[in-house]
Amino acid sequence: MARPGVTTSALALLLSWPLEAGRRMILAECDPDGGAVLHGLLQGSLGDRYGLRNLSVAARKGEFSDAFWRQLIDLSSDDGKKESPRDRLLLPGITDPAQAASLCSVWKVLAQMFRGIEAESAHDVLIDLGRRGAYGPSGVLAEQTDAVFVVVRCTLRCLQAAEGRVRTLEERVGDISVLMIDDGPYPAGEVQRVLQVPVVATLPYAPKEARVLSDGAEQPRHFTKTWSHLVSLR
C-alpha cells in the first residue's frame, strides 16, 4: 500500500509553518525504517555526513549535545539576505533500517534533548516517526511530545489501515489527532467518525508540488504560494 505521505507532509510543514520572531523549527527524521530526505529532496548531495546515525557514536562518547547541533541541515529560505536565518533545520534519518539497532540508547536521550531545547532555546520540534516508530524503542519520542498526529488519506483503504494504528497509539500516548490529506472521497467529518479522533488540519493533495519535497523534482510555478497556504487549521 502506498504510504500516506508522512515525510513529505512533515517537510511541507517545516518549510511553511509561521514562526514567531526569534523561534526556530527542527524536523527530526526518526523513522526506524529509514529516512527519505537525504536521497529524496536533497538527491544524495550530502552523502552520509549528516544524520541520526552519527549520534549513536556521540552518545557513547558523552558528546551528544554538541554532536546534535552539527548534524542539522539548514533548509531555511534566505529571501535574498546575505546570511541564512537558520530557522528551519533538518535532522536527517538513518539510511538503512539495520542502523536502528544501534540507536536503542539514543531515543531517550534525544527525547530529553528535544524537551530541553523547546523550553530553553525557543525551538519547535517536529518528529517524523514513520509507520512504526511510535510503537517500538523509539516510541519514547511519541510519549514525550506535546501532540501526536496520524497522517491519513481520505480513502477507504487508508482509513481501514489507520484504524488499528490509531487504537494502538491511543493506548500508548493517550489523545491523538489526524492530519488529513485531501485525496479521496470522504470528508473530514466522516474520517473523524470512522477513526473516532479529531481531524485538526487538512493538507492539499498537490502531487506536482509534493514531488519537489519527496524526490527533489523541479519546482512548478506557484510552488511557494501553494505551501504558504498549506494548512487549514480547525
Protein backbone atom coordinates (compact mmCIF):
# COMPACT_ATOMS: atom_id res chain seq x y z
CA MET A 1 0.00 0.00 0.00
CA ALA A 2 1.27 3.46 -0.85
CA ARG A 3 2.36 5.50 2.10
CA PRO A 4 0.10 8.38 3.10
CA GLY A 5 2.90 10.97 2.72
CA VAL A 6 4.13 11.48 6.29
CA THR A 7 7.64 12.71 5.48
CA THR A 8 6.52 14.90 2.59
CA SER A 9 3.84 16.44 4.82
CA ALA A 10 6.37 17.00 7.60
CA LEU A 11 8.75 18.74 5.19
CA ALA A 12 5.95 20.95 3.91
CA LEU A 13 5.07 21.91 7.47
CA LEU A 14 8.72 22.66 8.27
CA LEU A 15 9.03 24.97 5.26
CA SER A 16 5.69 26.73 5.61
CA TRP A 17 4.94 26.91 9.33
CA PRO A 18 4.63 30.52 10.57
CA LEU A 19 7.38 31.20 13.08
CA GLU A 20 7.35 33.91 15.68
CA ALA A 21 10.35 36.23 15.73
CA GLY A 22 13.33 34.51 17.31
CA ARG A 23 11.89 30.99 17.13
CA ARG A 24 13.30 28.11 15.11
CA MET A 25 11.82 24.83 13.94
CA ILE A 26 13.55 21.46 13.70
CA LEU A 27 12.27 18.46 11.74
CA ALA A 28 13.79 15.22 13.03
CA GLU A 29 13.51 12.11 10.84
CA CYS A 30 13.23 9.38 13.47
CA ASP A 31 11.63 6.65 11.37
CA PRO A 32 13.35 3.34 12.31
CA ASP A 33 12.62 2.11 8.78
CA GLY A 34 14.92 4.80 7.39
CA GLY A 35 14.80 8.45 6.40
CA ALA A 36 13.85 9.76 2.98
CA VAL A 37 15.02 13.37 2.77
CA LEU A 38 18.74 12.86 2.08
CA HIS A 39 18.04 10.87 -1.07
CA GLY A 40 14.69 12.49 -1.84
CA LEU A 41 14.60 16.27 -1.58
CA LEU A 42 18.42 16.52 -1.32
CA GLN A 43 19.13 13.90 -4.00
CA GLY A 44 22.07 12.37 -2.15
CA SER A 45 24.09 15.57 -2.49
CA LEU A 46 25.33 15.48 1.12
CA GLY A 47 26.32 11.82 1.30
CA ASP A 48 26.15 10.37 4.82
CA ARG A 49 27.91 13.23 6.60
CA TYR A 50 24.75 14.25 8.43
CA GLY A 51 22.12 12.28 10.23
CA LEU A 52 20.73 10.43 13.17
CA ARG A 53 23.13 7.52 12.67
CA ASN A 54 26.08 9.65 13.75
CA LEU A 55 24.51 10.40 17.14
CA SER A 56 24.87 6.84 18.45
CA VAL A 57 28.67 7.16 18.46
CA ALA A 58 28.47 10.61 20.07
CA ALA A 59 26.18 9.29 22.81
CA ARG A 60 28.69 6.59 23.76
CA LYS A 61 31.45 9.21 23.97
CA GLY A 62 29.37 11.59 26.08
CA GLU A 63 29.36 14.18 23.28
CA PHE A 64 25.69 14.01 22.34
CA SER A 65 24.70 17.65 22.77
CA ASP A 66 27.50 19.12 20.65
CA ALA A 67 27.14 16.42 18.01
CA PHE A 68 23.39 17.00 17.71
CA TRP A 69 23.77 20.59 16.51
CA ARG A 70 26.45 19.59 13.99
CA GLN A 71 24.09 17.08 12.38
CA LEU A 72 21.41 19.64 11.47
CA ILE A 73 20.97 20.77 7.85
CA ASP A 74 19.76 24.30 7.17
CA LEU A 75 16.66 24.33 4.93
CA SER A 76 15.80 27.97 5.60
CA SER A 77 14.90 30.37 2.82
CA ASP A 78 17.24 33.35 2.89
CA ASP A 79 14.80 35.54 0.92
CA GLY A 80 17.73 37.31 -0.72
CA LYS A 81 19.56 38.00 2.54
CA LYS A 82 23.32 37.61 2.76
CA GLU A 83 23.05 35.13 5.63
CA SER A 84 20.55 32.35 6.23
CA PRO A 85 18.33 32.85 9.29
CA ARG A 86 18.87 29.14 10.17
CA ASP A 87 15.33 28.96 11.47
CA ARG A 88 14.19 25.78 9.64
CA LEU A 89 16.52 22.88 10.35
CA LEU A 90 16.54 19.17 9.49
CA LEU A 91 17.99 16.21 11.36
CA PRO A 92 18.17 13.53 8.62
CA GLY A 93 17.23 9.96 9.49
CA ILE A 94 19.15 6.72 9.17
CA THR A 95 19.90 5.47 5.66
CA ASP A 96 19.45 1.75 6.38
CA PRO A 97 16.86 0.12 8.71
CA ALA A 98 19.65 -2.09 10.08
CA GLN A 99 21.14 1.04 11.68
CA ALA A 100 18.13 1.33 14.01
CA ALA A 101 19.58 -1.35 16.30
CA SER A 102 22.44 0.98 17.24
CA LEU A 103 20.03 3.71 18.34
CA CYS A 104 18.35 1.93 21.27
CA SER A 105 20.28 4.05 23.77
CA VAL A 106 19.79 7.23 21.74
CA TRP A 107 16.00 7.57 21.66
CA LYS A 108 15.57 8.54 25.32
CA VAL A 109 18.49 10.99 25.22
CA LEU A 110 17.05 12.52 22.04
CA ALA A 111 13.63 12.89 23.65
CA GLN A 112 15.20 14.72 26.60
CA MET A 113 17.17 16.91 24.20
CA PHE A 114 14.01 17.91 22.34
CA ARG A 115 12.17 18.78 25.54
CA GLY A 116 15.10 20.89 26.70
CA ILE A 117 15.61 22.93 23.55
CA GLU A 118 11.88 23.55 23.22
CA ALA A 119 11.69 25.01 26.71
CA GLU A 120 15.03 26.78 26.89
CA SER A 121 16.06 27.68 23.34
CA ALA A 122 12.82 28.73 21.61
CA HIS A 123 12.78 25.75 19.24
CA ASP A 124 9.69 23.98 17.98
CA VAL A 125 10.40 20.31 17.19
CA LEU A 126 8.53 18.22 14.62
CA ILE A 127 9.30 14.48 14.72
CA ASP A 128 8.68 12.12 11.81
CA LEU A 129 8.24 8.63 13.28
CA GLY A 130 7.08 6.96 10.07
CA ARG A 131 4.73 4.00 10.24
CA ARG A 132 6.10 2.09 13.24
CA GLY A 133 8.35 4.49 15.11
CA ALA A 134 5.76 5.26 17.78
CA TYR A 135 5.48 1.63 18.86
CA GLY A 136 8.99 0.21 19.47
CA PRO A 137 12.02 1.61 21.33
CA SER A 138 11.71 4.95 19.51
CA GLY A 139 8.18 5.26 20.92
CA VAL A 140 9.61 7.19 23.87
CA LEU A 141 9.71 10.15 21.47
CA ALA A 142 5.94 9.92 20.98
CA GLU A 143 5.39 9.64 24.72
CA GLN A 144 7.33 12.86 25.37
CA THR A 145 5.67 15.03 22.72
CA ASP A 146 3.00 17.67 23.28
CA ALA A 147 0.85 16.27 20.46
CA VAL A 148 0.78 13.16 18.24
CA PHE A 149 -0.71 13.21 14.74
CA VAL A 150 -1.53 10.42 12.31
CA VAL A 151 -1.39 11.33 8.61
CA VAL A 152 -4.13 9.70 6.53
CA ARG A 153 -5.59 9.99 3.08
CA CYS A 154 -9.38 10.01 2.97
CA THR A 155 -9.82 6.73 1.09
CA LEU A 156 -11.40 3.57 2.44
CA ARG A 157 -8.15 1.64 2.13
CA CYS A 158 -6.14 4.20 4.09
CA LEU A 159 -8.81 4.60 6.76
CA GLN A 160 -9.05 0.84 7.26
CA ALA A 161 -5.27 0.60 7.66
CA ALA A 162 -5.21 3.54 10.07
CA GLU A 163 -7.85 2.24 12.48
CA GLY A 164 -5.64 -0.32 14.21
CA ARG A 165 -2.71 2.08 14.42
CA VAL A 166 -4.88 4.77 15.96
CA ARG A 167 -6.15 2.42 18.67
CA THR A 168 -2.62 1.22 19.47
CA LEU A 169 -1.32 4.78 19.66
CA GLU A 170 -4.13 5.82 21.97
CA GLU A 171 -3.14 3.03 24.37
CA ARG A 172 0.48 4.20 24.42
CA VAL A 173 0.31 8.01 24.29
CA GLY A 174 -3.30 8.95 25.02
CA ASP A 175 -5.02 11.58 22.87
CA ILE A 176 -4.04 11.77 19.21
CA SER A 177 -5.29 13.74 16.22
CA VAL A 178 -5.37 13.38 12.44
CA LEU A 179 -3.76 15.37 9.64
CA MET A 180 -5.84 14.56 6.59
CA ILE A 181 -4.51 14.66 3.03
CA ASP A 182 -7.41 15.66 0.80
CA ASP A 183 -7.06 12.71 -1.57
CA GLY A 184 -10.19 10.59 -1.52
CA PRO A 185 -13.99 10.75 -1.37
CA TYR A 186 -14.51 11.08 2.37
CA PRO A 187 -14.86 14.48 4.10
CA ALA A 188 -13.20 15.29 7.40
CA GLY A 189 -16.39 14.60 9.34
CA GLU A 190 -16.54 11.04 8.02
CA VAL A 191 -12.85 10.48 8.75
CA GLN A 192 -13.46 11.63 12.33
CA ARG A 193 -16.44 9.29 12.67
CA VAL A 194 -14.53 6.26 11.41
CA LEU A 195 -11.32 6.84 13.36
CA GLN A 196 -13.03 8.39 16.41
CA VAL A 197 -10.34 11.06 16.72
CA PRO A 198 -10.43 14.72 15.62
CA VAL A 199 -9.16 15.93 12.25
CA VAL A 200 -7.23 19.07 13.19
CA ALA A 201 -5.82 20.05 9.77
CA THR A 202 -6.32 19.33 6.10
CA LEU A 203 -3.38 19.16 3.70
CA PRO A 204 -4.00 19.71 -0.03
CA TYR A 205 -3.43 16.89 -2.49
CA ALA A 206 -0.78 18.53 -4.69
CA PRO A 207 1.27 15.76 -6.40
CA LYS A 208 3.47 18.07 -8.52
CA GLU A 209 4.47 20.14 -5.52
CA ALA A 210 4.84 17.03 -3.36
CA ARG A 211 7.38 15.53 -5.77
CA VAL A 212 9.66 18.52 -5.16
CA LEU A 213 9.79 17.54 -1.48
CA SER A 214 9.73 13.76 -1.90
CA ASP A 215 12.10 13.40 -4.89
CA GLY A 216 13.79 16.74 -5.49
CA ALA A 217 11.79 17.42 -8.66
CA GLU A 218 11.91 20.81 -10.34
CA GLN A 219 9.68 23.34 -8.66
CA PRO A 220 6.46 24.07 -10.59
CA ARG A 221 5.04 27.55 -10.84
CA HIS A 222 3.40 28.88 -7.67
CA PHE A 223 5.25 26.28 -5.58
CA THR A 224 5.94 28.71 -2.72
CA LYS A 225 2.39 30.03 -2.79
CA THR A 226 0.97 26.50 -2.61
CA TRP A 227 2.88 25.64 0.55
CA SER A 228 2.40 29.02 2.19
CA HIS A 229 -1.33 28.23 2.20
CA LEU A 230 -0.75 24.62 3.16
CA VAL A 231 -2.54 24.10 6.44
CA SER A 232 -6.21 24.66 7.06
CA LEU A 233 -6.41 24.55 10.85
CA ARG A 234 -9.71 23.87 12.53
